[in-house]
Amino acid sequence: MPKIWPHTSVAAWKMLGTYAGFEALLQVFLPGKRFEATTTANGNVPVYKANGVESLLVSVAAFFAAWHFG
């Protein structure tokens, strides 16, 4: 690997993985209104759960709780 690329640590990958897993759990388990997107060219209708604002609020609260409690 070239020396110009930054090196990451195992701890950094663990933090990123934990954050990604936390956000995935929020998207699955937080309630939200069912939302159907426009039909695709193949005739599929993607279905989403509209809970992005709730996920953001929980994420911000979790960040400040983690910061406060160390």
PDB file of N, CA and C in Angstrom:
ATOM      1  N   MET A   1       0.855  -1.177   0.000  1.00  0.00           N
ATOM      2  CA  MET A   1       0.000   0.000   0.000  1.00  0.00           C
ATOM      3  C   MET A   1       0.900   1.238   0.000  1.00  0.00           C
ATOM      4  N   PRO A   2       0.560   2.233  -0.803  1.00  0.00           N
ATOM      5  CA  PRO A   2       1.385   3.444  -0.832  1.00  0.00           C
ATOM      6  C   PRO A   2       1.384   4.176   0.507  1.00  0.00           C
ATOM      7  N   LYS A   3       2.456   4.864   0.789  1.00  0.00           N
ATOM      8  CA  LYS A   3       2.583   5.581   2.067  1.00  0.00           C
ATOM      9  C   LYS A   3       1.679   6.811   2.152  1.00  0.00           C
ATOM     10  N   ILE A   4       1.134   7.259   1.021  1.00  0.00           N
ATOM     11  CA  ILE A   4       0.301   8.464   1.048  1.00  0.00           C
ATOM     12  C   ILE A   4      -1.083   8.202   1.633  1.00  0.00           C
ATOM     13  N   TRP A   5      -1.511   6.940   1.681  1.00  0.00           N
ATOM     14  CA  TRP A   5      -2.832   6.626   2.204  1.00  0.00           C
ATOM     15  C   TRP A   5      -2.805   6.613   3.729  1.00  0.00           C
ATOM     16  N   PRO A   6      -3.842   7.162   4.337  1.00  0.00           N
ATOM     17  CA  PRO A   6      -3.875   7.149   5.811  1.00  0.00           C
ATOM     18  C   PRO A   6      -4.091   5.734   6.337  1.00  0.00           C
ATOM     19  N   HIS A   7      -3.605   5.492   7.525  1.00  0.00           N
ATOM     20  CA  HIS A   7      -3.775   4.196   8.167  1.00  0.00           C
ATOM     21  C   HIS A   7      -4.900   4.294   9.186  1.00  0.00           C
ATOM     22  N   THR A   8      -5.720   3.259   9.240  1.00  0.00           N
ATOM     23  CA  THR A   8      -6.799   3.238  10.217  1.00  0.00           C
ATOM     24  C   THR A   8      -6.469   2.225  11.304  1.00  0.00           C
ATOM     25  N   SER A   9      -7.190   2.339  12.378  1.00  0.00           N
ATOM     26  CA  SER A   9      -6.972   1.419  13.486  1.00  0.00           C
ATOM     27  C   SER A   9      -8.165   0.485  13.624  1.00  0.00           C
ATOM     28  N   VAL A  10      -7.986  -0.575  14.349  1.00  0.00           N
ATOM     29  CA  VAL A  10      -9.072  -1.516  14.621  1.00  0.00           C
ATOM     30  C   VAL A  10     -10.167  -0.813  15.421  1.00  0.00           C
ATOM     31  N   ALA A  11      -9.777   0.051  16.338  1.00  0.00           N
ATOM     32  CA  ALA A  11     -10.761   0.777  17.153  1.00  0.00           C
ATOM     33  C   ALA A  11     -11.654   1.649  16.274  1.00  0.00           C
ATOM     34  N   ALA A  12     -11.068   2.289  15.260  1.00  0.00           N
ATOM     35  CA  ALA A  12     -11.865   3.133  14.362  1.00  0.00           C
ATOM     36  C   ALA A  12     -12.879   2.299  13.586  1.00  0.00           C
ATOM     37  N   TRP A  13     -12.466   1.123  13.100  1.00  0.00           N
ATOM     38  CA  TRP A  13     -13.392   0.246  12.380  1.00  0.00           C
ATOM     39  C   TRP A  13     -14.498  -0.254  13.300  1.00  0.00           C
ATOM     40  N   LYS A  14     -14.177  -0.522  14.553  1.00  0.00           N
ATOM     41  CA  LYS A  14     -15.197  -0.958  15.509  1.00  0.00           C
ATOM     42  C   LYS A  14     -16.213   0.142  15.755  1.00  0.00           C
ATOM     43  N   MET A  15     -15.729   1.378  15.886  1.00  0.00           N
ATOM     44  CA  MET A  15     -16.643   2.502  16.097  1.00  0.00           C
ATOM     45  C   MET A  15     -17.560   2.701  14.895  1.00  0.00           C
ATOM     46  N   LEU A  16     -16.995   2.640  13.702  1.00  0.00           N
ATOM     47  CA  LEU A  16     -17.812   2.798  12.496  1.00  0.00           C
ATOM     48  C   LEU A  16     -18.830   1.670  12.363  1.00  0.00           C
ATOM     49  N   GLY A  17     -18.402   0.445  12.651  1.00  0.00           N
ATOM     50  CA  GLY A  17     -19.320  -0.689  12.575  1.00  0.00           C
ATOM     51  C   GLY A  17     -20.434  -0.603  13.599  1.00  0.00           C
ATOM     52  N   THR A  18     -20.094  -0.156  14.806  1.00  0.00           N
ATOM     53  CA  THR A  18     -21.104   0.006  15.848  1.00  0.00           C
ATOM     54  C   THR A  18     -22.115   1.071  15.461  1.00  0.00           C
ATOM     55  N   TYR A  19     -21.629   2.190  14.931  1.00  0.00           N
ATOM     56  CA  TYR A  19     -22.527   3.270  14.493  1.00  0.00           C
ATOM     57  C   TYR A  19     -23.441   2.789  13.363  1.00  0.00           C
ATOM     58  N   ALA A  20     -22.889   2.094  12.386  1.00  0.00           N
ATOM     59  CA  ALA A  20     -23.697   1.602  11.270  1.00  0.00           C
ATOM     60  C   ALA A  20     -24.746   0.604  11.756  1.00  0.00           C
ATOM     61  N   GLY A  21     -24.361  -0.276  12.663  1.00  0.00           N
ATOM     62  CA  GLY A  21     -25.316  -1.230  13.215  1.00  0.00           C
ATOM     63  C   GLY A  21     -26.416  -0.553  14.011  1.00  0.00           C
ATOM     64  N   PHE A  22     -26.036   0.460  14.797  1.00  0.00           N
ATOM     65  CA  PHE A  22     -27.019   1.227  15.579  1.00  0.00           C
ATOM     66  C   PHE A  22     -28.029   1.893  14.656  1.00  0.00           C
ATOM     67  N   GLU A  23     -27.554   2.524  13.587  1.00  0.00           N
ATOM     68  CA  GLU A  23     -28.459   3.198  12.652  1.00  0.00           C
ATOM     69  C   GLU A  23     -29.354   2.192  11.929  1.00  0.00           C
ATOM     70  N   ALA A  24     -28.819   1.028  11.591  1.00  0.00           N
ATOM     71  CA  ALA A  24     -29.637   0.000  10.938  1.00  0.00           C
ATOM     72  C   ALA A  24     -30.750  -0.471  11.877  1.00  0.00           C
ATOM     73  N   LEU A  25     -30.421  -0.660  13.144  1.00  0.00           N
ATOM     74  CA  LEU A  25     -31.442  -1.067  14.118  1.00  0.00           C
ATOM     75  C   LEU A  25     -32.521  -0.005  14.275  1.00  0.00           C
ATOM     76  N   LEU A  26     -32.118   1.261  14.263  1.00  0.00           N
ATOM     77  CA  LEU A  26     -33.111   2.334  14.359  1.00  0.00           C
ATOM     78  C   LEU A  26     -34.055   2.305  13.169  1.00  0.00           C
ATOM     79  N   GLN A  27     -33.534   2.118  11.981  1.00  0.00           N
ATOM     80  CA  GLN A  27     -34.384   2.095  10.791  1.00  0.00           C
ATOM     81  C   GLN A  27     -35.365   0.924  10.815  1.00  0.00           C
ATOM     82  N   VAL A  28     -34.950  -0.182  11.401  1.00  0.00           N
ATOM     83  CA  VAL A  28     -35.816  -1.363  11.435  1.00  0.00           C
ATOM     84  C   VAL A  28     -36.858  -1.258  12.547  1.00  0.00           C
ATOM     85  N   PHE A  29     -36.440  -0.806  13.740  1.00  0.00           N
ATOM     86  CA  PHE A  29     -37.312  -0.909  14.906  1.00  0.00           C
ATOM     87  C   PHE A  29     -38.083   0.359  15.268  1.00  0.00           C
ATOM     88  N   LEU A  30     -37.673   1.521  14.804  1.00  0.00           N
ATOM     89  CA  LEU A  30     -38.456   2.724  15.090  1.00  0.00           C
ATOM     90  C   LEU A  30     -39.718   2.724  14.235  1.00  0.00           C
ATOM     91  N   PRO A  31     -40.827   3.156  14.810  1.00  0.00           N
ATOM     92  CA  PRO A  31     -42.056   3.188  14.014  1.00  0.00           C
ATOM     93  C   PRO A  31     -41.989   4.292  12.959  1.00  0.00           C
ATOM     94  N   GLY A  32     -42.754   4.105  11.920  1.00  0.00           N
ATOM     95  CA  GLY A  32     -42.813   5.108  10.861  1.00  0.00           C
ATOM     96  C   GLY A  32     -43.936   4.791   9.899  1.00  0.00           C
ATOM     97  N   LYS A  33     -44.375   5.812   9.211  1.00  0.00           N
ATOM     98  CA  LYS A  33     -45.457   5.656   8.248  1.00  0.00           C
ATOM     99  C   LYS A  33     -44.946   4.927   7.004  1.00  0.00           C
ATOM    100  N   ARG A  34     -45.746   4.030   6.456  1.00  0.00           N
ATOM    101  CA  ARG A  34     -45.397   3.300   5.240  1.00  0.00           C
ATOM    102  C   ARG A  34     -45.450   4.261   4.060  1.00  0.00           C
ATOM    103  N   PHE A  35     -44.423   4.213   3.241  1.00  0.00           N
ATOM    104  CA  PHE A  35     -44.318   5.122   2.106  1.00  0.00           C
ATOM    105  C   PHE A  35     -43.985   4.320   0.860  1.00  0.00           C
ATOM    106  N   GLU A  36     -44.798   4.470  -0.177  1.00  0.00           N
ATOM    107  CA  GLU A  36     -44.537   3.800  -1.448  1.00  0.00           C
ATOM    108  C   GLU A  36     -43.960   4.804  -2.437  1.00  0.00           C
ATOM    109  N   ALA A  37     -42.829   4.455  -3.002  1.00  0.00           N
ATOM    110  CA  ALA A  37     -42.182   5.334  -3.977  1.00  0.00           C
ATOM    111  C   ALA A  37     -42.834   5.135  -5.346  1.00  0.00           C
ATOM    112  N   THR A  38     -42.369   5.902  -6.310  1.00  0.00           N
ATOM    113  CA  THR A  38     -42.909   5.774  -7.658  1.00  0.00           C
ATOM    114  C   THR A  38     -42.491   4.438  -8.265  1.00  0.00           C
ATOM    115  N   THR A  39     -43.287   3.962  -9.161  1.00  0.00           N
ATOM    116  CA  THR A  39     -43.028   2.687  -9.810  1.00  0.00           C
ATOM    117  C   THR A  39     -41.783   2.786 -10.686  1.00  0.00           C
ATOM    118  N   THR A  40     -40.940   1.761 -10.600  1.00  0.00           N
ATOM    119  CA  THR A  40     -39.717   1.750 -11.398  1.00  0.00           C
ATOM    120  C   THR A  40     -40.032   1.306 -12.826  1.00  0.00           C
ATOM    121  N   ALA A  41     -39.027   1.361 -13.688  1.00  0.00           N
ATOM    122  CA  ALA A  41     -39.203   0.958 -15.086  1.00  0.00           C
ATOM    123  C   ALA A  41     -39.568  -0.522 -15.199  1.00  0.00           C
ATOM    124  N   ASN A  42     -39.143  -1.331 -14.240  1.00  0.00           N
ATOM    125  CA  ASN A  42     -39.466  -2.762 -14.250  1.00  0.00           C
ATOM    126  C   ASN A  42     -40.819  -3.069 -13.625  1.00  0.00           C
ATOM    127  N   GLY A  43     -41.515  -2.069 -13.141  1.00  0.00           N
ATOM    128  CA  GLY A  43     -42.827  -2.275 -12.535  1.00  0.00           C
ATOM    129  C   GLY A  43     -42.799  -2.504 -11.036  1.00  0.00           C
ATOM    130  N   ASN A  44     -41.640  -2.381 -10.411  1.00  0.00           N
ATOM    131  CA  ASN A  44     -41.545  -2.554  -8.963  1.00  0.00           C
ATOM    132  C   ASN A  44     -41.962  -1.275  -8.246  1.00  0.00           C
ATOM    133  N   VAL A  45     -42.566  -1.440  -7.089  1.00  0.00           N
ATOM    134  CA  VAL A  45     -42.930  -0.295  -6.255  1.00  0.00           C
ATOM    135  C   VAL A  45     -42.153  -0.414  -4.952  1.00  0.00           C
ATOM    136  N   PRO A  46     -41.056   0.350  -4.797  1.00  0.00           N
ATOM    137  CA  PRO A  46     -40.293   0.288  -3.548  1.00  0.00           C
ATOM    138  C   PRO A  46     -41.127   0.800  -2.368  1.00  0.00           C
ATOM    139  N   VAL A  47     -41.043   0.098  -1.257  1.00  0.00           N
ATOM    140  CA  VAL A  47     -41.780   0.468  -0.051  1.00  0.00           C
ATOM    141  C   VAL A  47     -40.759   0.831   1.022  1.00  0.00           C
ATOM    142  N   TYR A  48     -40.952   1.986   1.645  1.00  0.00           N
ATOM    143  CA  TYR A  48     -40.045   2.477   2.669  1.00  0.00           C
ATOM    144  C   TYR A  48     -40.820   2.749   3.946  1.00  0.00           C
ATOM    145  N   LYS A  49     -40.096   2.858   5.043  1.00  0.00           N
ATOM    146  CA  LYS A  49     -40.674   3.294   6.309  1.00  0.00           C
ATOM    147  C   LYS A  49     -40.135   4.697   6.559  1.00  0.00           C
ATOM    148  N   ALA A  50     -41.018   5.677   6.637  1.00  0.00           N
ATOM    149  CA  ALA A  50     -40.613   7.069   6.813  1.00  0.00           C
ATOM    150  C   ALA A  50     -40.377   7.344   8.299  1.00  0.00           C
ATOM    151  N   ASN A  51     -39.148   7.046   8.767  1.00  0.00           N
ATOM    152  CA  ASN A  51     -38.808   7.297  10.166  1.00  0.00           C
ATOM    153  C   ASN A  51     -37.442   7.977  10.290  1.00  0.00           C
ATOM    154  N   GLY A  52     -37.079   8.736   9.288  1.00  0.00           N
ATOM    155  CA  GLY A  52     -35.771   9.387   9.281  1.00  0.00           C
ATOM    156  C   GLY A  52     -35.622  10.449  10.360  1.00  0.00           C
ATOM    157  N   VAL A  53     -36.660  11.233  10.588  1.00  0.00           N
ATOM    158  CA  VAL A  53     -36.572  12.294  11.604  1.00  0.00           C
ATOM    159  C   VAL A  53     -36.451  11.673  12.993  1.00  0.00           C
ATOM    160  N   GLU A  54     -37.235  10.644  13.246  1.00  0.00           N
ATOM    161  CA  GLU A  54     -37.147   9.962  14.533  1.00  0.00           C
ATOM    162  C   GLU A  54     -35.766   9.348  14.731  1.00  0.00           C
ATOM    163  N   SER A  55     -35.229   8.763  13.677  1.00  0.00           N
ATOM    164  CA  SER A  55     -33.893   8.175  13.740  1.00  0.00           C
ATOM    165  C   SER A  55     -32.844   9.242  14.040  1.00  0.00           C
ATOM    166  N   LEU A  56     -32.968  10.392  13.408  1.00  0.00           N
ATOM    167  CA  LEU A  56     -32.040  11.495  13.660  1.00  0.00           C
ATOM    168  C   LEU A  56     -32.111  11.945  15.115  1.00  0.00           C
ATOM    169  N   LEU A  57     -33.307  12.111  15.637  1.00  0.00           N
ATOM    170  CA  LEU A  57     -33.465  12.573  17.021  1.00  0.00           C
ATOM    171  C   LEU A  57     -32.888  11.572  18.019  1.00  0.00           C
ATOM    172  N   VAL A  58     -33.124  10.286  17.793  1.00  0.00           N
ATOM    173  CA  VAL A  58     -32.574   9.261  18.685  1.00  0.00           C
ATOM    174  C   VAL A  58     -31.050   9.243  18.571  1.00  0.00           C
ATOM    175  N   SER A  59     -30.529   9.409  17.361  1.00  0.00           N
ATOM    176  CA  SER A  59     -29.074   9.419  17.158  1.00  0.00           C
ATOM    177  C   SER A  59     -28.416  10.585  17.884  1.00  0.00           C
ATOM    178  N   VAL A  60     -29.014  11.756  17.793  1.00  0.00           N
ATOM    179  CA  VAL A  60     -28.461  12.935  18.474  1.00  0.00           C
ATOM    180  C   VAL A  60     -28.534  12.748  19.986  1.00  0.00           C
ATOM    181  N   ALA A  61     -29.654  12.227  20.476  1.00  0.00           N
ATOM    182  CA  ALA A  61     -29.788  11.976  21.913  1.00  0.00           C
ATOM    183  C   ALA A  61     -28.765  10.940  22.378  1.00  0.00           C
ATOM    184  N   ALA A  62     -28.560   9.890  21.592  1.00  0.00           N
ATOM    185  CA  ALA A  62     -27.574   8.868  21.945  1.00  0.00           C
ATOM    186  C   ALA A  62     -26.163   9.440  21.936  1.00  0.00           C
ATOM    187  N   PHE A  63     -25.864  10.317  20.981  1.00  0.00           N
ATOM    188  CA  PHE A  63     -24.549  10.947  20.931  1.00  0.00           C
ATOM    189  C   PHE A  63     -24.287  11.757  22.196  1.00  0.00           C
ATOM    190  N   PHE A  64     -25.246  12.594  22.582  1.00  0.00           N
ATOM    191  CA  PHE A  64     -25.040  13.427  23.766  1.00  0.00           C
ATOM    192  C   PHE A  64     -25.029  12.583  25.044  1.00  0.00           C
ATOM    193  N   ALA A  65     -25.802  11.507  25.084  1.00  0.00           N
ATOM    194  CA  ALA A  65     -25.777  10.622  26.245  1.00  0.00           C
ATOM    195  C   ALA A  65     -24.399   9.938  26.350  1.00  0.00           C
ATOM    196  N   ALA A  66     -23.873   9.476  25.228  1.00  0.00           N
ATOM    197  CA  ALA A  66     -22.549   8.840  25.235  1.00  0.00           C
ATOM    198  C   ALA A  66     -21.466   9.840  25.611  1.00  0.00           C
ATOM    199  N   TRP A  67     -21.616  11.064  25.150  1.00  0.00           N
ATOM    200  CA  TRP A  67     -20.632  12.114  25.479  1.00  0.00           C
ATOM    201  C   TRP A  67     -20.707  12.444  26.968  1.00  0.00           C
ATOM    202  N   HIS A  68     -21.935  12.562  27.486  1.00  0.00           N
ATOM    203  CA  HIS A  68     -22.103  12.938  28.890  1.00  0.00           C
ATOM    204  C   HIS A  68     -21.591  11.847  29.833  1.00  0.00           C
ATOM    205  N   PHE A  69     -21.877  10.589  29.504  1.00  0.00           N
ATOM    206  CA  PHE A  69     -21.499   9.495  30.393  1.00  0.00           C
ATOM    207  C   PHE A  69     -20.131   8.896  30.071  1.00  0.00           C
ATOM    208  N   GLY A  70     -19.489   9.443  29.065  1.00  0.00           N
ATOM    209  CA  GLY A  70     -18.117   9.016  28.747  1.00  0.00           C
ATOM    210  C   GLY A  70     -18.090   7.728  28.012  1.00  0.00           C
TER     211      GLY A  70
END
